[in-house]
């Protein structure tokens, strides 16, 4: 149960950070002369899912709001899954060394 709680929390935090980065990047694009500094790092999981999962399904250009939704779903899913795997592996390693 702890793994689920931790991974869901990490996914929600990553999605919230991604939402903030997307909104700031969109609204301050002219100010920075491009995307927000750190945008590629903060939204790496979401952009990864956009390129490798969603793009083959939606070959046409889609509007901003649905694309934001897809990026945030990917951000949540990938971060939650990676966190769950890392937690399980770390817990297994620590339990093995404790005995």
PDB file of N, CA and C in Angstrom:
ATOM      1  N   UNK A   1       0.819  -1.198   0.000  1.00  0.00           N
ATOM      2  CA  UNK A   1       0.000   0.000   0.000  1.00  0.00           C
ATOM      3  C   UNK A   1       0.864   1.264   0.000  1.00  0.00           C
ATOM      4  N   UNK A   2       2.013   1.214   0.653  1.00  0.00           N
ATOM      5  CA  UNK A   2       2.900   2.375   0.703  1.00  0.00           C
ATOM      6  C   UNK A   2       3.437   2.703  -0.687  1.00  0.00           C
ATOM      7  N   UNK A   3       3.724   1.679  -1.465  1.00  0.00           N
ATOM      8  CA  UNK A   3       4.234   1.904  -2.820  1.00  0.00           C
ATOM      9  C   UNK A   3       3.220   2.667  -3.651  1.00  0.00           C
ATOM     10  N   UNK A   4       1.968   2.289  -3.562  1.00  0.00           N
ATOM     11  CA  UNK A   4       0.913   2.955  -4.321  1.00  0.00           C
ATOM     12  C   UNK A   4       0.772   4.414  -3.902  1.00  0.00           C
ATOM     13  N   UNK A   5       0.757   4.668  -2.596  1.00  0.00           N
ATOM     14  CA  UNK A   5       0.620   6.039  -2.105  1.00  0.00           C
ATOM     15  C   UNK A   5       1.794   6.913  -2.556  1.00  0.00           C
ATOM     16  N   UNK A   6       2.994   6.397  -2.417  1.00  0.00           N
ATOM     17  CA  UNK A   6       4.182   7.171  -2.780  1.00  0.00           C
ATOM     18  C   UNK A   6       4.215   7.434  -4.278  1.00  0.00           C
ATOM     19  N   UNK A   7       3.905   6.426  -5.079  1.00  0.00           N
ATOM     20  CA  UNK A   7       3.964   6.608  -6.533  1.00  0.00           C
ATOM     21  C   UNK A   7       2.852   7.540  -7.023  1.00  0.00           C
ATOM     22  N   UNK A   8       1.662   7.446  -6.460  1.00  0.00           N
ATOM     23  CA  UNK A   8       0.588   8.370  -6.844  1.00  0.00           C
ATOM     24  C   UNK A   8       0.915   9.805  -6.438  1.00  0.00           C
ATOM     25  N   UNK A   9       1.487   9.980  -5.257  1.00  0.00           N
ATOM     26  CA  UNK A   9       1.877  11.309  -4.813  1.00  0.00           C
ATOM     27  C   UNK A   9       2.947  11.891  -5.732  1.00  0.00           C
ATOM     28  N   UNK A  10       3.944  11.087  -6.074  1.00  0.00           N
ATOM     29  CA  UNK A  10       5.006  11.555  -6.976  1.00  0.00           C
ATOM     30  C   UNK A  10       4.436  11.907  -8.346  1.00  0.00           C
ATOM     31  N   UNK A  11       3.501  11.109  -8.851  1.00  0.00           N
ATOM     32  CA  UNK A  11       2.864  11.402 -10.130  1.00  0.00           C
ATOM     33  C   UNK A  11       2.066  12.695 -10.092  1.00  0.00           C
ATOM     34  N   UNK A  12       1.340  12.916  -9.003  1.00  0.00           N
ATOM     35  CA  UNK A  12       0.575  14.161  -8.868  1.00  0.00           C
ATOM     36  C   UNK A  12       1.481  15.388  -8.767  1.00  0.00           C
ATOM     37  N   UNK A  13       2.554  15.270  -8.007  1.00  0.00           N
ATOM     38  CA  UNK A  13       3.496  16.383  -7.884  1.00  0.00           C
ATOM     39  C   UNK A  13       4.137  16.690  -9.236  1.00  0.00           C
ATOM     40  N   UNK A  14       4.561  15.651  -9.957  1.00  0.00           N
ATOM     41  CA  UNK A  14       5.171  15.853 -11.270  1.00  0.00           C
ATOM     42  C   UNK A  14       4.176  16.463 -12.256  1.00  0.00           C
ATOM     43  N   UNK A  15       2.930  16.057 -12.197  1.00  0.00           N
ATOM     44  CA  UNK A  15       1.909  16.621 -13.080  1.00  0.00           C
ATOM     45  C   UNK A  15       1.640  18.084 -12.748  1.00  0.00           C
ATOM     46  N   UNK A  16       1.615  18.411 -11.461  1.00  0.00           N
ATOM     47  CA  UNK A  16       1.405  19.801 -11.051  1.00  0.00           C
ATOM     48  C   UNK A  16       2.573  20.681 -11.502  1.00  0.00           C
ATOM     49  N   UNK A  17       3.791  20.200 -11.319  1.00  0.00           N
ATOM     50  CA  UNK A  17       4.972  20.933 -11.783  1.00  0.00           C
ATOM     51  C   UNK A  17       4.933  21.067 -13.304  1.00  0.00           C
ATOM     52  N   UNK A  18       4.537  20.010 -13.997  1.00  0.00           N
ATOM     53  CA  UNK A  18       4.421  20.071 -15.452  1.00  0.00           C
ATOM     54  C   UNK A  18       3.380  21.070 -15.905  1.00  0.00           C
ATOM     55  N   UNK A  19       2.259  21.125 -15.214  1.00  0.00           N
ATOM     56  CA  UNK A  19       1.215  22.094 -15.558  1.00  0.00           C
ATOM     57  C   UNK A  19       1.718  23.523 -15.393  1.00  0.00           C
ATOM     58  N   UNK A  20       2.406  23.772 -14.297  1.00  0.00           N
ATOM     59  CA  UNK A  20       2.957  25.104 -14.073  1.00  0.00           C
ATOM     60  C   UNK A  20       3.979  25.449 -15.156  1.00  0.00           C
ATOM     61  N   UNK A  21       4.850  24.507 -15.486  1.00  0.00           N
ATOM     62  CA  UNK A  21       5.864  24.754 -16.515  1.00  0.00           C
ATOM     63  C   UNK A  21       5.215  25.009 -17.874  1.00  0.00           C
ATOM     64  N   UNK A  22       4.178  24.253 -18.210  1.00  0.00           N
ATOM     65  CA  UNK A  22       3.487  24.457 -19.483  1.00  0.00           C
ATOM     66  C   UNK A  22       2.834  25.835 -19.552  1.00  0.00           C
ATOM     67  N   UNK A  23       2.139  26.221 -18.502  1.00  0.00           N
ATOM     68  CA  UNK A  23       1.439  27.507 -18.488  1.00  0.00           C
ATOM     69  C   UNK A  23       2.444  28.658 -18.545  1.00  0.00           C
ATOM     70  N   UNK A  24       3.499  28.574 -17.739  1.00  0.00           N
ATOM     71  CA  UNK A  24       4.502  29.632 -17.767  1.00  0.00           C
ATOM     72  C   UNK A  24       5.212  29.712 -19.109  1.00  0.00           C
ATOM     73  N   UNK A  25       5.550  28.563 -19.667  1.00  0.00           N
ATOM     74  CA  UNK A  25       6.229  28.557 -20.956  1.00  0.00           C
ATOM     75  C   UNK A  25       5.344  29.139 -22.042  1.00  0.00           C
ATOM     76  N   UNK A  26       4.070  28.807 -22.016  1.00  0.00           N
ATOM     77  CA  UNK A  26       3.134  29.315 -23.025  1.00  0.00           C
ATOM     78  C   UNK A  26       2.952  30.829 -22.905  1.00  0.00           C
ATOM     79  N   UNK A  27       2.816  31.307 -21.678  1.00  0.00           N
ATOM     80  CA  UNK A  27       2.547  32.732 -21.466  1.00  0.00           C
ATOM     81  C   UNK A  27       3.799  33.607 -21.550  1.00  0.00           C
ATOM     82  N   UNK A  28       4.968  33.043 -21.297  1.00  0.00           N
ATOM     83  CA  UNK A  28       6.206  33.825 -21.302  1.00  0.00           C
ATOM     84  C   UNK A  28       7.114  33.487 -22.481  1.00  0.00           C
ATOM     85  N   UNK A  29       6.556  32.884 -23.512  1.00  0.00           N
ATOM     86  CA  UNK A  29       7.362  32.480 -24.665  1.00  0.00           C
ATOM     87  C   UNK A  29       8.047  33.681 -25.315  1.00  0.00           C
ATOM     88  N   UNK A  30       7.329  34.769 -25.481  1.00  0.00           N
ATOM     89  CA  UNK A  30       7.915  35.965 -26.100  1.00  0.00           C
ATOM     90  C   UNK A  30       8.953  36.610 -25.197  1.00  0.00           C
ATOM     91  N   UNK A  31       8.738  36.580 -23.907  1.00  0.00           N
ATOM     92  CA  UNK A  31       9.668  37.175 -22.961  1.00  0.00           C
ATOM     93  C   UNK A  31      11.025  36.467 -22.998  1.00  0.00           C
ATOM     94  N   UNK A  32      11.011  35.130 -22.989  1.00  0.00           N
ATOM     95  CA  UNK A  32      12.249  34.359 -23.007  1.00  0.00           C
ATOM     96  C   UNK A  32      12.794  34.166 -24.421  1.00  0.00           C
ATOM     97  N   UNK A  33      11.994  34.468 -25.427  1.00  0.00           N
ATOM     98  CA  UNK A  33      12.424  34.250 -26.804  1.00  0.00           C
ATOM     99  C   UNK A  33      12.460  32.773 -27.153  1.00  0.00           C
ATOM    100  N   UNK A  34      11.678  31.991 -26.485  1.00  0.00           N
ATOM    101  CA  UNK A  34      11.618  30.547 -26.688  1.00  0.00           C
ATOM    102  C   UNK A  34      10.951  29.920 -25.479  1.00  0.00           C
ATOM    103  N   UNK A  35      11.093  28.625 -25.343  1.00  0.00           N
ATOM    104  CA  UNK A  35      10.458  27.969 -24.190  1.00  0.00           C
ATOM    105  C   UNK A  35      11.116  28.379 -22.867  1.00  0.00           C
ATOM    106  N   UNK A  36      10.413  28.149 -21.799  1.00  0.00           N
ATOM    107  CA  UNK A  36      10.885  28.427 -20.447  1.00  0.00           C
ATOM    108  C   UNK A  36      12.182  27.659 -20.196  1.00  0.00           C
ATOM    109  N   UNK A  37      13.193  28.308 -19.600  1.00  0.00           N
ATOM    110  CA  UNK A  37      14.412  27.562 -19.261  1.00  0.00           C
ATOM    111  C   UNK A  37      14.080  26.398 -18.326  1.00  0.00           C
ATOM    112  N   UNK A  38      14.555  25.220 -18.646  1.00  0.00           N
ATOM    113  CA  UNK A  38      14.267  24.021 -17.870  1.00  0.00           C
ATOM    114  C   UNK A  38      13.019  23.281 -18.311  1.00  0.00           C
ATOM    115  N   UNK A  39      12.341  23.806 -19.318  1.00  0.00           N
ATOM    116  CA  UNK A  39      11.098  23.205 -19.807  1.00  0.00           C
ATOM    117  C   UNK A  39      11.315  21.755 -20.238  1.00  0.00           C
ATOM    118  N   UNK A  40      12.372  21.505 -21.004  1.00  0.00           N
ATOM    119  CA  UNK A  40      12.635  20.147 -21.495  1.00  0.00           C
ATOM    120  C   UNK A  40      12.923  19.187 -20.347  1.00  0.00           C
ATOM    121  N   UNK A  41      13.579  19.662 -19.304  1.00  0.00           N
ATOM    122  CA  UNK A  41      13.874  18.818 -18.147  1.00  0.00           C
ATOM    123  C   UNK A  41      12.624  18.546 -17.317  1.00  0.00           C
ATOM    124  N   UNK A  42      11.861  19.597 -17.042  1.00  0.00           N
ATOM    125  CA  UNK A  42      10.672  19.449 -16.193  1.00  0.00           C
ATOM    126  C   UNK A  42       9.586  18.598 -16.838  1.00  0.00           C
ATOM    127  N   UNK A  43       9.494  18.654 -18.159  1.00  0.00           N
ATOM    128  CA  UNK A  43       8.449  17.911 -18.860  1.00  0.00           C
ATOM    129  C   UNK A  43       9.000  16.742 -19.671  1.00  0.00           C
ATOM    130  N   UNK A  44      10.168  16.239 -19.300  1.00  0.00           N
ATOM    131  CA  UNK A  44      10.751  15.129 -20.045  1.00  0.00           C
ATOM    132  C   UNK A  44       9.838  13.902 -20.103  1.00  0.00           C
ATOM    133  N   UNK A  45       9.278  13.429 -18.970  1.00  0.00           N
ATOM    134  CA  UNK A  45       8.397  12.253 -19.068  1.00  0.00           C
ATOM    135  C   UNK A  45       7.163  12.511 -19.932  1.00  0.00           C
ATOM    136  N   UNK A  46       6.563  13.681 -19.786  1.00  0.00           N
ATOM    137  CA  UNK A  46       5.377  14.003 -20.579  1.00  0.00           C
ATOM    138  C   UNK A  46       5.690  14.116 -22.059  1.00  0.00           C
ATOM    139  N   UNK A  47       6.797  14.772 -22.395  1.00  0.00           N
ATOM    140  CA  UNK A  47       7.187  14.890 -23.799  1.00  0.00           C
ATOM    141  C   UNK A  47       7.594  13.548 -24.380  1.00  0.00           C
ATOM    142  N   UNK A  48       8.204  12.699 -23.555  1.00  0.00           N
ATOM    143  CA  UNK A  48       8.567  11.352 -24.001  1.00  0.00           C
ATOM    144  C   UNK A  48       7.311  10.571 -24.396  1.00  0.00           C
ATOM    145  N   UNK A  49       6.275  10.654 -23.582  1.00  0.00           N
ATOM    146  CA  UNK A  49       5.028   9.958 -23.912  1.00  0.00           C
ATOM    147  C   UNK A  49       4.352  10.588 -25.120  1.00  0.00           C
ATOM    148  N   UNK A  50       4.481  11.900 -25.261  1.00  0.00           N
ATOM    149  CA  UNK A  50       3.871  12.578 -26.402  1.00  0.00           C
ATOM    150  C   UNK A  50       4.499  12.110 -27.704  1.00  0.00           C
ATOM    151  N   UNK A  51       5.795  11.958 -27.721  1.00  0.00           N
ATOM    152  CA  UNK A  51       6.499  11.560 -28.945  1.00  0.00           C
ATOM    153  C   UNK A  51       6.308  10.080 -29.255  1.00  0.00           C
ATOM    154  N   UNK A  52       6.413   9.227 -28.236  1.00  0.00           N
ATOM    155  CA  UNK A  52       6.439   7.783 -28.485  1.00  0.00           C
ATOM    156  C   UNK A  52       5.101   7.076 -28.319  1.00  0.00           C
ATOM    157  N   UNK A  53       4.154   7.674 -27.618  1.00  0.00           N
ATOM    158  CA  UNK A  53       2.857   7.021 -27.413  1.00  0.00           C
ATOM    159  C   UNK A  53       1.755   7.743 -28.173  1.00  0.00           C
ATOM    160  N   UNK A  54       1.619   9.040 -27.918  1.00  0.00           N
ATOM    161  CA  UNK A  54       0.475   9.769 -28.455  1.00  0.00           C
ATOM    162  C   UNK A  54       0.645  10.166 -29.911  1.00  0.00           C
ATOM    163  N   UNK A  55       1.854  10.545 -30.322  1.00  0.00           N
ATOM    164  CA  UNK A  55       2.049  11.007 -31.701  1.00  0.00           C
ATOM    165  C   UNK A  55       1.680   9.948 -32.737  1.00  0.00           C
ATOM    166  N   UNK A  56       2.055   8.681 -32.543  1.00  0.00           N
ATOM    167  CA  UNK A  56       1.622   7.687 -33.540  1.00  0.00           C
ATOM    168  C   UNK A  56       0.099   7.515 -33.601  1.00  0.00           C
ATOM    169  N   UNK A  57      -0.591   7.785 -32.503  1.00  0.00           N
ATOM    170  CA  UNK A  57      -2.047   7.649 -32.502  1.00  0.00           C
ATOM    171  C   UNK A  57      -2.735   8.846 -33.152  1.00  0.00           C
ATOM    172  N   UNK A  58      -2.176  10.023 -32.928  1.00  0.00           N
ATOM    173  CA  UNK A  58      -2.749  11.262 -33.465  1.00  0.00           C
ATOM    174  C   UNK A  58      -1.748  11.870 -34.434  1.00  0.00           C
ATOM    175  N   UNK A  59      -1.845  11.496 -35.691  1.00  0.00           N
ATOM    176  CA  UNK A  59      -0.866  11.960 -36.666  1.00  0.00           C
ATOM    177  C   UNK A  59      -1.091  13.398 -37.085  1.00  0.00           C
ATOM    178  N   UNK A  60      -2.305  13.918 -36.905  1.00  0.00           N
ATOM    179  CA  UNK A  60      -2.577  15.303 -37.254  1.00  0.00           C
ATOM    180  C   UNK A  60      -2.224  16.208 -36.079  1.00  0.00           C
ATOM    181  N   UNK A  61      -2.026  17.463 -36.383  1.00  0.00           N
ATOM    182  CA  UNK A  61      -1.760  18.444 -35.332  1.00  0.00           C
ATOM    183  C   UNK A  61      -3.034  18.644 -34.511  1.00  0.00           C
ATOM    184  N   UNK A  62      -2.900  18.641 -33.192  1.00  0.00           N
ATOM    185  CA  UNK A  62      -4.056  18.841 -32.324  1.00  0.00           C
ATOM    186  C   UNK A  62      -3.898  20.159 -31.578  1.00  0.00           C
ATOM    187  N   UNK A  63      -4.980  20.648 -31.010  1.00  0.00           N
ATOM    188  CA  UNK A  63      -4.988  21.924 -30.310  1.00  0.00           C
ATOM    189  C   UNK A  63      -4.177  21.849 -29.014  1.00  0.00           C
ATOM    190  N   UNK A  64      -3.971  23.007 -28.412  1.00  0.00           N
ATOM    191  CA  UNK A  64      -3.125  23.107 -27.222  1.00  0.00           C
ATOM    192  C   UNK A  64      -3.707  22.371 -26.017  1.00  0.00           C
ATOM    193  N   UNK A  65      -4.977  22.561 -25.730  1.00  0.00           N
ATOM    194  CA  UNK A  65      -5.557  21.985 -24.509  1.00  0.00           C
ATOM    195  C   UNK A  65      -5.541  20.448 -24.540  1.00  0.00           C
ATOM    196  N   UNK A  66      -5.963  19.800 -25.620  1.00  0.00           N
ATOM    197  CA  UNK A  66      -5.842  18.332 -25.630  1.00  0.00           C
ATOM    198  C   UNK A  66      -4.393  17.856 -25.558  1.00  0.00           C
ATOM    199  N   UNK A  67      -3.490  18.592 -26.199  1.00  0.00           N
ATOM    200  CA  UNK A  67      -2.080  18.212 -26.139  1.00  0.00           C
ATOM    201  C   UNK A  67      -1.550  18.354 -24.715  1.00  0.00           C
ATOM    202  N   UNK A  68      -1.957  19.420 -24.012  1.00  0.00           N
ATOM    203  CA  UNK A  68      -1.564  19.586 -22.611  1.00  0.00           C
ATOM    204  C   UNK A  68      -2.086  18.422 -21.769  1.00  0.00           C
ATOM    205  N   UNK A  69      -3.316  18.018 -22.028  1.00  0.00           N
ATOM    206  CA  UNK A  69      -3.875  16.885 -21.300  1.00  0.00           C
ATOM    207  C   UNK A  69      -3.092  15.608 -21.540  1.00  0.00           C
ATOM    208  N   UNK A  70      -2.711  15.370 -22.781  1.00  0.00           N
ATOM    209  CA  UNK A  70      -1.935  14.172 -23.101  1.00  0.00           C
ATOM    210  C   UNK A  70      -0.555  14.213 -22.456  1.00  0.00           C
ATOM    211  N   UNK A  71       0.079  15.377 -22.470  1.00  0.00           N
ATOM    212  CA  UNK A  71       1.390  15.520 -21.849  1.00  0.00           C
ATOM    213  C   UNK A  71       1.288  15.267 -20.349  1.00  0.00           C
ATOM    214  N   UNK A  72       0.272  15.812 -19.713  1.00  0.00           N
ATOM    215  CA  UNK A  72       0.134  15.650 -18.264  1.00  0.00           C
ATOM    216  C   UNK A  72      -0.240  14.218 -17.879  1.00  0.00           C
ATOM    217  N   UNK A  73      -1.036  13.555 -18.698  1.00  0.00           N
ATOM    218  CA  UNK A  73      -1.340  12.134 -18.444  1.00  0.00           C
ATOM    219  C   UNK A  73      -0.068  11.297 -18.551  1.00  0.00           C
ATOM    220  N   UNK A  74       0.718  11.572 -19.582  1.00  0.00           N
ATOM    221  CA  UNK A  74       1.987  10.872 -19.731  1.00  0.00           C
ATOM    222  C   UNK A  74       2.948  11.176 -18.602  1.00  0.00           C
ATOM    223  N   UNK A  75       2.999  12.434 -18.196  1.00  0.00           N
ATOM    224  CA  UNK A  75       3.862  12.855 -17.081  1.00  0.00           C
ATOM    225  C   UNK A  75       3.482  12.082 -15.818  1.00  0.00           C
ATOM    226  N   UNK A  76       2.202  12.046 -15.512  1.00  0.00           N
ATOM    227  CA  UNK A  76       1.734  11.336 -14.315  1.00  0.00           C
ATOM    228  C   UNK A  76       2.049   9.846 -14.396  1.00  0.00           C
ATOM    229  N   UNK A  77       1.719   9.231 -15.517  1.00  0.00           N
ATOM    230  CA  UNK A  77       1.879   7.786 -15.659  1.00  0.00           C
ATOM    231  C   UNK A  77       3.336   7.354 -15.579  1.00  0.00           C
ATOM    232  N   UNK A  78       4.197   8.027 -16.306  1.00  0.00           N
ATOM    233  CA  UNK A  78       5.601   7.628 -16.324  1.00  0.00           C
ATOM    234  C   UNK A  78       6.261   7.871 -14.975  1.00  0.00           C
ATOM    235  N   UNK A  79       6.022   9.025 -14.375  1.00  0.00           N
ATOM    236  CA  UNK A  79       6.639   9.310 -13.071  1.00  0.00           C
ATOM    237  C   UNK A  79       6.116   8.350 -12.003  1.00  0.00           C
ATOM    238  N   UNK A  80       4.826   8.079 -11.996  1.00  0.00           N
ATOM    239  CA  UNK A  80       4.270   7.155 -11.004  1.00  0.00           C
ATOM    240  C   UNK A  80       4.839   5.746 -11.186  1.00  0.00           C
ATOM    241  N   UNK A  81       4.944   5.286 -12.424  1.00  0.00           N
ATOM    242  CA  UNK A  81       5.473   3.944 -12.682  1.00  0.00           C
ATOM    243  C   UNK A  81       6.951   3.836 -12.304  1.00  0.00           C
ATOM    244  N   UNK A  82       7.738   4.822 -12.682  1.00  0.00           N
ATOM    245  CA  UNK A  82       9.164   4.797 -12.352  1.00  0.00           C
ATOM    246  C   UNK A  82       9.378   4.890 -10.847  1.00  0.00           C
ATOM    247  N   UNK A  83       8.582   5.696 -10.175  1.00  0.00           N
ATOM    248  CA  UNK A  83       8.682   5.816  -8.720  1.00  0.00           C
ATOM    249  C   UNK A  83       8.323   4.500  -8.046  1.00  0.00           C
ATOM    250  N   UNK A  84       7.283   3.839  -8.514  1.00  0.00           N
ATOM    251  CA  UNK A  84       6.882   2.560  -7.920  1.00  0.00           C
ATOM    252  C   UNK A  84       7.975   1.509  -8.100  1.00  0.00           C
ATOM    253  N   UNK A  85       8.548   1.436  -9.287  1.00  0.00           N
ATOM    254  CA  UNK A  85       9.616   0.457  -9.532  1.00  0.00           C
ATOM    255  C   UNK A  85      10.840   0.787  -8.685  1.00  0.00           C
ATOM    256  N   UNK A  86      11.233   2.055  -8.642  1.00  0.00           N
ATOM    257  CA  UNK A  86      12.404   2.452  -7.855  1.00  0.00           C
ATOM    258  C   UNK A  86      12.188   2.179  -6.371  1.00  0.00           C
ATOM    259  N   UNK A  87      10.988   2.430  -5.886  1.00  0.00           N
ATOM    260  CA  UNK A  87      10.684   2.176  -4.473  1.00  0.00           C
ATOM    261  C   UNK A  87      10.764   0.687  -4.154  1.00  0.00           C
ATOM    262  N   UNK A  88      10.183  -0.135  -5.025  1.00  0.00           N
ATOM    263  CA  UNK A  88      10.215  -1.591  -4.802  1.00  0.00           C
ATOM    264  C   UNK A  88      11.642  -2.125  -4.841  1.00  0.00           C
ATOM    265  N   UNK A  89      12.427  -1.668  -5.817  1.00  0.00           N
ATOM    266  CA  UNK A  89      13.812  -2.135  -5.928  1.00  0.00           C
ATOM    267  C   UNK A  89      14.624  -1.655  -4.731  1.00  0.00           C
ATOM    268  N   UNK A  90      14.467  -0.384  -4.372  1.00  0.00           N
ATOM    269  CA  UNK A  90      15.196   0.143  -3.219  1.00  0.00           C
ATOM    270  C   UNK A  90      14.822  -0.560  -1.934  1.00  0.00           C
ATOM    271  N   UNK A  91      13.556  -0.819  -1.766  1.00  0.00           N
ATOM    272  CA  UNK A  91      13.094  -1.517  -0.559  1.00  0.00           C
ATOM    273  C   UNK A  91      13.643  -2.945  -0.530  1.00  0.00           C
ATOM    274  N   UNK A  92      13.661  -3.606  -1.682  1.00  0.00           N
ATOM    275  CA  UNK A  92      14.206  -4.962  -1.748  1.00  0.00           C
ATOM    276  C   UNK A  92      15.691  -4.998  -1.444  1.00  0.00           C
ATOM    277  N   UNK A  93      16.428  -4.027  -1.941  1.00  0.00           N
ATOM    278  CA  UNK A  93      17.863  -3.964  -1.688  1.00  0.00           C
ATOM    279  C   UNK A  93      18.129  -3.685  -0.211  1.00  0.00           C
ATOM    280  N   UNK A  94      17.388  -2.746   0.362  1.00  0.00           N
ATOM    281  CA  UNK A  94      17.578  -2.423   1.775  1.00  0.00           C
ATOM    282  C   UNK A  94      17.176  -3.593   2.671  1.00  0.00           C
ATOM    283  N   UNK A  95      16.115  -4.291   2.326  1.00  0.00           N
ATOM    284  CA  UNK A  95      15.695  -5.460   3.115  1.00  0.00           C
ATOM    285  C   UNK A  95      16.715  -6.579   3.017  1.00  0.00           C
ATOM    286  N   UNK A  96      17.328  -6.747   1.850  1.00  0.00           N
ATOM    287  CA  UNK A  96      18.325  -7.797   1.662  1.00  0.00           C
ATOM    288  C   UNK A  96      19.570  -7.508   2.486  1.00  0.00           C
ATOM    289  N   UNK A  97      19.983  -6.239   2.534  1.00  0.00           N
ATOM    290  CA  UNK A  97      21.175  -5.891   3.292  1.00  0.00           C
ATOM    291  C   UNK A  97      20.915  -5.838   4.797  1.00  0.00           C
ATOM    292  N   UNK A  98      19.671  -5.685   5.197  1.00  0.00           N
ATOM    293  CA  UNK A  98      19.346  -5.617   6.619  1.00  0.00           C
ATOM    294  C   UNK A  98      19.429  -6.980   7.278  1.00  0.00           C
ATOM    295  N   UNK A  99      19.263  -8.047   6.487  1.00  0.00           N
ATOM    296  CA  UNK A  99      19.299  -9.390   7.078  1.00  0.00           C
ATOM    297  C   UNK A  99      20.657 -10.015   7.004  1.00  0.00           C
TER     298      UNK A  99
END
